[in-house]
Protein backbone atom coordinates (compact mmCIF):
# COMPACT_ATOMS: atom_id res chain seq x y z
CA MET A 1 -24.09 90.41 162.04
CA ARG A 2 -26.63 90.18 159.23
CA PHE A 3 -28.27 86.95 160.38
CA SER A 4 -28.37 87.41 164.14
CA GLY A 5 -31.67 86.00 165.37
CA LYS A 6 -32.57 84.60 161.94
CA ALA A 7 -33.69 80.98 161.69
CA VAL A 8 -32.26 79.42 158.53
CA LEU A 9 -32.78 75.94 157.08
CA VAL A 10 -30.21 74.67 154.57
CA THR A 11 -30.31 71.39 152.66
CA GLY A 12 -27.31 69.53 151.24
CA VAL A 13 -24.79 70.73 153.82
CA ALA A 14 -22.53 67.76 154.53
CA SER A 15 -19.84 68.88 152.08
CA GLY A 16 -18.93 71.35 149.37
CA LEU A 17 -21.03 74.46 148.86
CA GLY A 18 -23.63 73.61 151.49
CA ARG A 19 -20.98 73.22 154.14
CA ALA A 20 -19.44 76.59 153.20
CA VAL A 21 -22.88 78.23 153.37
CA ALA A 22 -23.57 76.79 156.83
CA GLN A 23 -20.18 77.93 158.11
CA ALA A 24 -20.66 81.45 156.72
CA LEU A 25 -24.15 81.73 158.22
CA ALA A 26 -22.87 80.59 161.59
CA VAL A 27 -20.22 83.30 161.60
CA GLU A 28 -22.95 85.86 160.97
CA GLY A 29 -25.09 84.71 163.88
CA ALA A 30 -27.76 82.53 162.26
CA GLN A 31 -29.74 79.85 164.04
CA LEU A 32 -29.30 76.84 161.78
CA ALA A 33 -31.36 73.80 160.84
CA LEU A 34 -29.23 71.58 158.60
CA VAL A 35 -30.50 68.73 156.44
CA ASP A 36 -28.52 66.04 154.64
CA ARG A 37 -28.64 62.31 154.03
CA ALA A 38 -24.99 61.72 155.01
CA ARG A 39 -25.07 61.27 158.77
CA GLU A 40 -21.36 61.18 159.65
CA PRO A 41 -20.20 64.36 157.85
CA LEU A 42 -23.38 66.12 158.98
CA ASP A 43 -22.66 65.20 162.61
CA GLN A 44 -19.08 66.46 162.20
CA LEU A 45 -20.28 69.80 160.81
CA VAL A 46 -22.82 70.24 163.59
CA SER A 47 -20.17 69.49 166.21
CA GLU A 48 -17.82 72.04 164.63
CA LEU A 49 -20.47 74.75 164.55
CA GLN A 50 -21.62 74.10 168.10
CA LYS A 51 -18.07 74.39 169.39
CA ASN A 52 -17.98 77.84 167.82
CA GLY A 53 -21.14 78.87 169.65
CA CYS A 54 -23.71 78.41 166.89
CA GLU A 55 -27.24 77.30 167.78
CA VAL A 56 -27.75 74.44 165.36
CA ILE A 57 -30.02 71.43 164.93
CA HIS A 58 -29.89 68.82 162.19
CA PHE A 59 -32.03 66.26 160.42
CA VAL A 60 -30.83 63.21 158.51
CA GLY A 61 -33.03 62.31 155.59
CA ASP A 62 -33.64 62.08 151.85
CA VAL A 63 -34.63 65.57 150.67
CA ALA A 64 -36.59 64.07 147.77
CA GLN A 65 -39.08 62.54 150.22
CA GLU A 66 -42.05 64.61 151.36
CA GLN A 67 -41.76 63.31 154.90
CA THR A 68 -38.24 64.75 155.17
CA SER A 69 -39.41 68.26 154.33
CA LYS A 70 -42.29 68.04 156.77
CA GLU A 71 -40.22 66.68 159.64
CA ALA A 72 -37.19 68.92 159.07
CA ILE A 73 -39.21 72.13 158.87
CA GLY A 74 -41.34 71.00 161.79
CA LEU A 75 -38.19 70.48 163.82
CA ALA A 76 -36.94 73.97 162.94
CA LEU A 77 -40.24 75.55 163.91
CA ARG A 78 -40.32 73.76 167.25
CA GLN A 79 -36.73 74.73 168.01
CA PHE A 80 -36.71 78.33 166.79
CA GLY A 81 -40.42 79.20 166.66
CA LYS A 82 -40.07 80.47 163.08
CA LEU A 83 -38.35 79.97 159.75
CA ASP A 84 -36.95 83.14 158.24
CA ILE A 85 -34.83 81.75 155.42
CA LEU A 86 -34.84 78.54 153.35
CA ILE A 87 -31.80 77.63 151.25
CA ASN A 88 -32.37 74.68 148.92
CA ASN A 89 -28.85 73.55 148.11
CA ALA A 90 -29.06 69.75 147.82
CA GLY A 91 -28.08 68.49 144.40
CA ILE A 92 -26.44 65.73 142.38
CA ASN A 93 -24.97 65.65 138.88
CA PRO A 94 -25.08 62.33 137.07
CA THR A 95 -23.29 63.16 133.83
CA GLY A 96 -24.29 61.85 130.42
CA THR A 97 -26.23 62.60 127.28
CA ILE A 98 -29.91 61.70 126.90
CA SER A 99 -29.06 58.34 125.33
CA GLN A 100 -26.56 57.60 128.11
CA THR A 101 -28.99 58.38 130.93
CA ASP A 102 -31.35 55.61 131.99
CA PRO A 103 -34.85 56.47 133.24
CA ALA A 104 -34.06 55.69 136.87
CA THR A 105 -31.05 58.02 136.90
CA TRP A 106 -33.06 60.72 135.13
CA GLN A 107 -35.86 60.55 137.68
CA HIS A 108 -33.51 60.45 140.65
CA ALA A 109 -31.73 63.61 139.51
CA LEU A 110 -35.03 65.42 139.03
CA ASP A 111 -36.18 64.29 142.46
CA VAL A 112 -33.07 65.50 144.27
CA ASN A 113 -32.41 68.69 142.29
CA LEU A 114 -35.94 69.93 141.63
CA LYS A 115 -38.60 68.02 143.51
CA SER A 116 -36.81 68.51 146.84
CA ALA A 117 -36.87 72.29 146.42
CA TYR A 118 -40.58 72.14 145.58
CA LEU A 119 -41.26 70.04 148.68
CA PHE A 120 -39.34 72.27 151.06
CA CYS A 121 -40.79 75.46 149.55
CA ARG A 122 -44.30 74.04 149.70
CA GLU A 123 -43.83 73.22 153.36
CA ALA A 124 -42.10 76.49 154.32
CA ILE A 125 -44.17 79.07 152.44
CA PRO A 126 -47.35 78.85 154.57
CA HIS A 127 -45.29 79.61 157.68
CA MET A 128 -43.58 82.51 155.91
CA ILE A 129 -46.97 83.87 154.80
CA GLU A 130 -48.18 83.71 158.39
CA ALA A 131 -45.10 85.62 159.50
CA GLY A 132 -45.56 88.17 156.71
CA LYS A 133 -42.06 87.67 155.36
CA GLY A 134 -39.51 85.08 154.27
CA VAL A 135 -36.58 84.44 151.96
CA ILE A 136 -35.89 81.49 149.68
CA VAL A 137 -32.60 80.92 147.86
CA ASN A 138 -32.27 77.99 145.45
CA THR A 139 -28.91 76.72 144.22
CA ALA A 140 -29.24 76.41 140.45
CA SER A 141 -26.37 76.53 137.94
CA ILE A 142 -25.23 78.11 134.71
CA ALA A 143 -26.12 74.67 133.30
CA GLY A 144 -29.74 75.70 133.80
CA GLN A 145 -29.19 78.85 131.72
CA ARG A 146 -27.38 77.33 128.77
CA ALA A 147 -26.77 73.78 127.58
CA SER A 148 -23.64 72.00 128.80
CA THR A 149 -22.18 68.99 126.99
CA GLY A 150 -22.93 65.70 128.72
CA GLU A 151 -25.08 67.20 131.49
CA SER A 152 -28.55 66.58 130.11
CA VAL A 153 -30.63 65.84 133.20
CA TYR A 154 -28.55 68.17 135.37
CA GLY A 155 -29.25 71.06 133.00
CA VAL A 156 -32.94 70.23 132.75
CA SER A 157 -33.31 70.02 136.53
CA LYS A 158 -31.51 73.31 137.12
CA ALA A 159 -33.52 75.08 134.42
CA GLY A 160 -36.64 73.83 136.16
CA LEU A 161 -35.30 75.09 139.48
CA ILE A 162 -34.78 78.56 138.02
CA MET A 163 -38.39 78.64 136.79
CA LEU A 164 -39.65 77.34 140.14
CA THR A 165 -37.82 80.24 141.78
CA ARG A 166 -39.33 82.79 139.41
CA THR A 167 -42.88 81.48 139.88
CA ILE A 168 -42.51 81.66 143.67
CA ALA A 169 -41.22 85.23 143.37
CA ARG A 170 -44.20 86.14 141.20
CA ASP A 171 -46.83 84.35 143.29
CA TYR A 172 -45.68 85.28 146.79
CA GLY A 173 -43.80 88.57 146.50
CA ALA A 174 -46.88 90.50 147.62
CA ARG A 175 -46.95 88.34 150.75
CA GLY A 176 -43.47 89.49 151.76
CA ILE A 177 -41.58 86.47 150.41
CA ARG A 178 -38.52 86.88 148.18
CA ALA A 179 -37.19 83.99 146.08
CA ASN A 180 -33.96 84.03 144.10
CA ALA A 181 -31.63 81.54 142.45
CA ILE A 182 -27.84 81.43 142.53
CA CYS A 183 -26.18 80.13 139.35
CA PRO A 184 -22.57 79.13 139.99
CA GLY A 185 -20.12 78.36 137.23
CA VAL A 186 -17.32 75.80 137.37
CA LEU A 187 -15.92 75.47 140.89
CA GLU A 188 -12.47 74.40 141.98
CA SER A 189 -13.47 70.92 143.12
CA VAL A 190 -16.14 68.43 142.14
CA MET A 191 -19.29 68.18 144.25
CA ALA A 192 -18.66 65.48 146.84
CA ASP A 193 -22.09 63.94 146.29
CA ARG A 194 -21.88 63.67 142.52
CA LEU A 195 -22.64 60.24 141.16
CA THR A 196 -19.51 60.47 139.05
CA ARG A 197 -16.34 60.03 141.15
CA MET A 198 -12.99 61.42 140.05
CA SER A 199 -9.46 60.74 141.27
CA SER A 200 -7.27 63.61 142.48
CA ASP A 201 -5.36 63.51 139.19
CA GLN A 202 -8.62 63.70 137.24
CA VAL A 203 -9.77 66.67 139.35
CA LEU A 204 -6.47 68.46 138.70
CA ALA A 205 -6.71 67.79 134.97
CA ARG A 206 -10.28 69.06 134.96
CA ASP A 207 -9.31 72.26 136.78
CA GLN A 208 -6.42 72.90 134.40
CA ARG A 209 -8.70 72.32 131.42
CA PHE A 210 -11.51 74.63 132.54
CA ALA A 211 -9.61 77.46 134.24
CA PRO A 212 -8.34 79.07 130.98
CA THR A 213 -11.93 79.26 129.66
CA VAL A 214 -12.95 81.62 132.49
CA PRO A 215 -12.25 85.33 131.87
CA LEU A 216 -10.95 85.69 135.43
CA GLY A 217 -8.47 82.91 134.64
CA ARG A 218 -9.42 80.61 137.50
CA LEU A 219 -12.25 78.50 138.88
CA GLY A 220 -14.52 79.67 141.66
CA THR A 221 -14.46 78.55 145.27
CA TYR A 222 -17.29 77.34 147.46
CA GLU A 223 -16.63 80.23 149.83
CA GLU A 224 -17.12 82.76 147.02
CA ILE A 225 -20.47 81.25 146.04
CA ALA A 226 -21.51 81.10 149.70
CA LYS A 227 -20.96 84.88 150.00
CA SER A 228 -23.30 85.44 147.08
CA ILE A 229 -25.93 83.17 148.61
CA LEU A 230 -25.71 85.09 151.88
CA PHE A 231 -26.17 88.33 149.97
CA LEU A 232 -29.40 87.06 148.42
CA ALA A 233 -30.60 85.78 151.80
CA SER A 234 -29.84 89.04 153.60
CA GLU A 235 -31.59 92.38 153.80
CA ASP A 236 -28.84 93.73 151.55
CA ALA A 237 -30.92 92.17 148.75
CA SER A 238 -34.27 93.45 150.05
CA TYR A 239 -35.45 94.48 146.56
CA VAL A 240 -34.04 91.48 144.73
CA ASN A 241 -36.81 89.02 143.83
CA GLY A 242 -37.05 86.43 141.06
CA ALA A 243 -33.42 86.93 140.05
CA GLN A 244 -30.86 84.51 138.66
CA LEU A 245 -27.55 85.65 140.12
CA THR A 246 -24.80 84.26 137.90
CA VAL A 247 -21.48 83.81 139.70
CA ASP A 248 -19.12 82.27 137.15
CA GLY A 249 -16.11 84.55 136.73
CA GLY A 250 -17.50 85.76 133.41
CA LEU A 251 -17.70 82.31 131.80
CA THR A 252 -21.14 82.97 130.28
CA ALA A 253 -20.51 86.66 129.53
């Protein structure tokens, strides 16, 4: 198992991609520290993983707050004695053009999607430097690589996250720390924590509209993206640093 004995902290795990990542890591033997603001689904996930024999702790908090990063990483260090891998997955997507996005919504999206990754990286990197190694994977998006209609602040925040990843790779690679970004395309269901809610009929219509635009002819799954994240986090990607791994079925080809 690739992650046996590895201490991994993942943010944004209560649903969707984060949940799939946590489940995949557990199968591969990781010791998990999970962070989310949604207590009930987080508790359910932890219970599920523990029943399957995973060593897991969790922290409920707002990832955009500095105190959350300090306390969550501190908890992981006390429990596991180290932090090998950090996966910044928390994110929201309030849709809208610039003129449709009010300042409060704009700032909130930047705080959750970009500032939170900065805070957790800032807190984790000194411990990784002390250990002489570490891995960071940030969940970005193809929206951070090219403009998407009606996703102004989402695209800006993900573009910033990609550059944050690249600067970390450049600044800390010589200290044994790798940092990479995963850039998913359109997935089969809407992020559960998006500010925009959609009915089941709207989700189906969305899927049917987008699927034909993908060269593979279908939308991606959370499990497929999780596999790519685990690749970047593993020693299989030991010489991958500062990369943007696009996983979109060829949509941006």
